[in-house]
Each structure stands twice: as C-alpha cells, then as structure tokens.
Amino acid sequence: MKFREIIAIVKGELITKIAKLDMDVTHISAADLMSDVLAFAEPESILLTGLCNPQVVCTAEMADIVAIIFVRDKKPPPETISLAEEERIPLVSTPYSMFEACGCLYQAGLRDIHIPDE
C-alpha cells in the first residue's frame, strides 16, 4: 500500500515538508514504549504512537522506521519536527486513537509485525 493511501485511511495531516508519498508500506507497528519499537519493529514499517518527543524520531531512525503517525491529533514540538526532517522521516497526525487507527489500517489490509512465540 502506498504511504499516501495510509495517510488518507487515517485521515492524517502531513506535518513534515518532506515525504515520499508513493513509497510502499506493508507493515505497521504501534507502540508507546520505544524499547518495544527497537525490539520488535520491522524495517521499513510505519510507527503509530502517542509520544511526540524527539526520542521517537531517534528510535525510528535506529529501527529503520520509514514514517511516524501520531495518534489523538497530537502535534510534535518544533524540535521533533526539525529532527524528523533532518532524518527524512515523515510525520503525520491522525485524529484517531491508536486502537481506531490500527483497526482502520488492519481492515485496509496492512499487517502487524510477526512476534515469535516465547
């Protein structure tokens, strides 16, 4: 699925100036614990989160996340936006809760990452 389609599905608002709207995305990760993102996120997936601090962008860069969607209409502070633009990671804000956004994206055919049984 194209990134532009994902933005439309979650009724998102693009926050950053730079975004590859035609990039293909197959997986979504949703987390507020950045340790979970580092442990479980698949490269080239999108992260849904309620955290807006610069650490989210740093974690996304380390985990090879291609975009971040902030839930509940959250808008990141200027330092987060600046860092995301520097790292070329697009930021989007959706009015949906994390539960609703995940449900919409799942219904549209996107899948979560696979976490092996422990």
C-alpha atoms as a PDB file:
ATOM      1  CA  MET A   1       0.000   0.000   0.000  1.00  0.00           C
ATOM      2  CA  LYS A   2       1.248   3.484  -0.791  1.00  0.00           C
ATOM      3  CA  PHE A   3       2.028   5.908   2.025  1.00  0.00           C
ATOM      4  CA  ARG A   4      -0.442   8.440   0.595  1.00  0.00           C
ATOM      5  CA  GLU A   5      -3.205   5.813   0.923  1.00  0.00           C
ATOM      6  CA  ILE A   6      -2.291   5.190   4.544  1.00  0.00           C
ATOM      7  CA  ILE A   7      -2.477   8.914   5.279  1.00  0.00           C
ATOM      8  CA  ALA A   8      -5.942   9.019   3.696  1.00  0.00           C
ATOM      9  CA  ILE A   9      -7.175   5.957   5.606  1.00  0.00           C
ATOM     10  CA  VAL A  10      -6.284   7.513   8.978  1.00  0.00           C
ATOM     11  CA  LYS A  11      -7.456  10.976   7.863  1.00  0.00           C
ATOM     12  CA  GLY A  12      -3.920  12.124   8.534  1.00  0.00           C
ATOM     13  CA  GLU A  13      -2.322  15.521   8.267  1.00  0.00           C
ATOM     14  CA  LEU A  14       1.251  15.592   6.973  1.00  0.00           C
ATOM     15  CA  ILE A  15       3.380  17.611   9.395  1.00  0.00           C
ATOM     16  CA  THR A  16       6.799  17.486   7.763  1.00  0.00           C
ATOM     17  CA  LYS A  17       7.642  19.105   4.446  1.00  0.00           C
ATOM     18  CA  ILE A  18       9.448  16.039   3.121  1.00  0.00           C
ATOM     19  CA  ALA A  19       7.609  12.779   2.419  1.00  0.00           C
ATOM     20  CA  LYS A  20       7.823  10.046  -0.202  1.00  0.00           C
ATOM     21  CA  LEU A  21       4.083   9.670  -0.679  1.00  0.00           C
ATOM     22  CA  ASP A  22       4.500   6.880  -3.233  1.00  0.00           C
ATOM     23  CA  MET A  23       6.627   4.600  -1.046  1.00  0.00           C
ATOM     24  CA  ASP A  24       5.221   1.122  -0.496  1.00  0.00           C
ATOM     25  CA  VAL A  25       4.401   0.081   3.070  1.00  0.00           C
ATOM     26  CA  THR A  26       3.432  -3.431   4.150  1.00  0.00           C
ATOM     27  CA  HIS A  27       3.675  -3.333   7.947  1.00  0.00           C
ATOM     28  CA  ILE A  28       2.574  -1.136  10.812  1.00  0.00           C
ATOM     29  CA  SER A  29       3.901  -1.087  14.364  1.00  0.00           C
ATOM     30  CA  ALA A  30       2.044   0.604  17.209  1.00  0.00           C
ATOM     31  CA  ALA A  31       3.788   1.362  20.490  1.00  0.00           C
ATOM     32  CA  ASP A  32       4.445   3.977  23.107  1.00  0.00           C
ATOM     33  CA  LEU A  33       7.400   2.078  24.568  1.00  0.00           C
ATOM     34  CA  MET A  34      10.413   2.822  22.432  1.00  0.00           C
ATOM     35  CA  SER A  35      12.120  -0.307  23.781  1.00  0.00           C
ATOM     36  CA  ASP A  36       9.330  -2.324  22.110  1.00  0.00           C
ATOM     37  CA  VAL A  37       9.953  -0.487  18.847  1.00  0.00           C
ATOM     38  CA  LEU A  38      13.644  -1.334  18.989  1.00  0.00           C
ATOM     39  CA  ALA A  39      12.929  -4.958  19.894  1.00  0.00           C
ATOM     40  CA  PHE A  40      10.049  -5.748  17.564  1.00  0.00           C
ATOM     41  CA  ALA A  41       9.571  -3.251  14.720  1.00  0.00           C
ATOM     42  CA  GLU A  42      10.339  -4.445  11.215  1.00  0.00           C
ATOM     43  CA  PRO A  43      12.488  -2.263   8.971  1.00  0.00           C
ATOM     44  CA  GLU A  44      10.545  -0.110   6.525  1.00  0.00           C
ATOM     45  CA  SER A  45       7.371  -0.148   8.614  1.00  0.00           C
ATOM     46  CA  ILE A  46       5.357   2.786   9.922  1.00  0.00           C
ATOM     47  CA  LEU A  47       5.129   3.543  13.637  1.00  0.00           C
ATOM     48  CA  LEU A  48       1.893   4.671  15.285  1.00  0.00           C
ATOM     49  CA  THR A  49       2.485   6.308  18.652  1.00  0.00           C
ATOM     50  CA  GLY A  50       1.192   8.833  21.129  1.00  0.00           C
ATOM     51  CA  LEU A  51       4.678  10.041  22.042  1.00  0.00           C
ATOM     52  CA  CYS A  52       5.804  13.267  20.394  1.00  0.00           C
ATOM     53  CA  ASN A  53       9.270  13.893  21.798  1.00  0.00           C
ATOM     54  CA  PRO A  54      12.482  13.846  19.726  1.00  0.00           C
ATOM     55  CA  GLN A  55      13.367  10.401  21.147  1.00  0.00           C
ATOM     56  CA  VAL A  56      10.632   8.917  18.939  1.00  0.00           C
ATOM     57  CA  VAL A  57      12.474  10.125  15.836  1.00  0.00           C
ATOM     58  CA  CYS A  58      15.821   8.860  17.149  1.00  0.00           C
ATOM     59  CA  THR A  59      14.281   5.449  17.829  1.00  0.00           C
ATOM     60  CA  ALA A  60      12.600   5.377  14.425  1.00  0.00           C
ATOM     61  CA  GLU A  61      15.905   6.154  12.732  1.00  0.00           C
ATOM     62  CA  MET A  62      17.662   3.335  14.625  1.00  0.00           C
ATOM     63  CA  ALA A  63      14.861   0.860  13.828  1.00  0.00           C
ATOM     64  CA  ASP A  64      14.665   1.864  10.139  1.00  0.00           C
ATOM     65  CA  ILE A  65      11.073   3.089  10.518  1.00  0.00           C
ATOM     66  CA  VAL A  66      10.001   4.971   7.372  1.00  0.00           C
ATOM     67  CA  ALA A  67       7.309   7.230   8.891  1.00  0.00           C
ATOM     68  CA  ILE A  68       5.663   8.111  12.197  1.00  0.00           C
ATOM     69  CA  ILE A  69       1.950   8.677  12.732  1.00  0.00           C
ATOM     70  CA  PHE A  70       0.942  10.477  15.918  1.00  0.00           C
ATOM     71  CA  VAL A  71      -2.465   9.434  17.261  1.00  0.00           C
ATOM     72  CA  ARG A  72      -5.167  11.501  19.020  1.00  0.00           C
ATOM     73  CA  ASP A  73      -4.434  14.606  16.935  1.00  0.00           C
ATOM     74  CA  LYS A  74      -1.112  15.096  18.692  1.00  0.00           C
ATOM     75  CA  LYS A  75       1.306  17.568  17.164  1.00  0.00           C
ATOM     76  CA  PRO A  76       5.015  17.206  17.949  1.00  0.00           C
ATOM     77  CA  PRO A  77       7.088  20.135  19.184  1.00  0.00           C
ATOM     78  CA  PRO A  78       9.318  22.028  16.725  1.00  0.00           C
ATOM     79  CA  GLU A  79      12.467  20.156  17.797  1.00  0.00           C
ATOM     80  CA  THR A  80      10.834  16.815  16.911  1.00  0.00           C
ATOM     81  CA  ILE A  81       9.731  18.131  13.519  1.00  0.00           C
ATOM     82  CA  SER A  82      13.177  19.553  12.813  1.00  0.00           C
ATOM     83  CA  LEU A  83      14.902  16.281  13.708  1.00  0.00           C
ATOM     84  CA  ALA A  84      12.444  14.276  11.589  1.00  0.00           C
ATOM     85  CA  GLU A  85      13.082  16.500   8.580  1.00  0.00           C
ATOM     86  CA  GLU A  86      16.828  16.164   9.117  1.00  0.00           C
ATOM     87  CA  GLU A  87      16.480  12.359   9.249  1.00  0.00           C
ATOM     88  CA  ARG A  88      13.986  12.407   6.342  1.00  0.00           C
ATOM     89  CA  ILE A  89      11.291  10.642   8.385  1.00  0.00           C
ATOM     90  CA  PRO A  90       7.816  11.973   7.559  1.00  0.00           C
ATOM     91  CA  LEU A  91       5.477  12.809  10.434  1.00  0.00           C
ATOM     92  CA  VAL A  92       1.691  12.572  10.262  1.00  0.00           C
ATOM     93  CA  SER A  93      -1.020  13.368  12.803  1.00  0.00           C
ATOM     94  CA  THR A  94      -4.318  11.451  12.887  1.00  0.00           C
ATOM     95  CA  PRO A  95      -7.437  12.318  14.879  1.00  0.00           C
ATOM     96  CA  TYR A  96      -7.960   8.612  15.624  1.00  0.00           C
ATOM     97  CA  SER A  97      -6.925   6.868  18.808  1.00  0.00           C
ATOM     98  CA  MET A  98      -4.231   4.215  18.443  1.00  0.00           C
ATOM     99  CA  PHE A  99      -6.893   1.498  18.621  1.00  0.00           C
ATOM    100  CA  GLU A 100      -9.009   3.124  15.899  1.00  0.00           C
ATOM    101  CA  ALA A 101      -6.054   3.874  13.612  1.00  0.00           C
ATOM    102  CA  CYS A 102      -4.755   0.308  13.908  1.00  0.00           C
ATOM    103  CA  GLY A 103      -8.226  -1.046  13.198  1.00  0.00           C
ATOM    104  CA  CYS A 104      -8.629   1.090  10.076  1.00  0.00           C
ATOM    105  CA  LEU A 105      -5.226   0.069   8.738  1.00  0.00           C
ATOM    106  CA  TYR A 106      -5.786  -3.604   9.544  1.00  0.00           C
ATOM    107  CA  GLN A 107      -9.144  -3.504   7.801  1.00  0.00           C
ATOM    108  CA  ALA A 108      -7.419  -1.959   4.766  1.00  0.00           C
ATOM    109  CA  GLY A 109      -5.058  -4.943   4.556  1.00  0.00           C
ATOM    110  CA  LEU A 110      -1.934  -3.842   6.420  1.00  0.00           C
ATOM    111  CA  ARG A 111      -0.490  -6.252   8.941  1.00  0.00           C
ATOM    112  CA  ASP A 112       1.422  -6.035  12.178  1.00  0.00           C
ATOM    113  CA  ILE A 113       4.895  -7.400  12.503  1.00  0.00           C
ATOM    114  CA  HIS A 114       5.261 -11.051  13.476  1.00  0.00           C
ATOM    115  CA  ILE A 115       6.484 -11.573  17.019  1.00  0.00           C
ATOM    116  CA  PRO A 116       7.808 -15.112  17.535  1.00  0.00           C
ATOM    117  CA  ASP A 117       6.401 -17.203  20.374  1.00  0.00           C
ATOM    118  CA  GLU A 118       8.490 -17.000  23.503  1.00  0.00           C
END
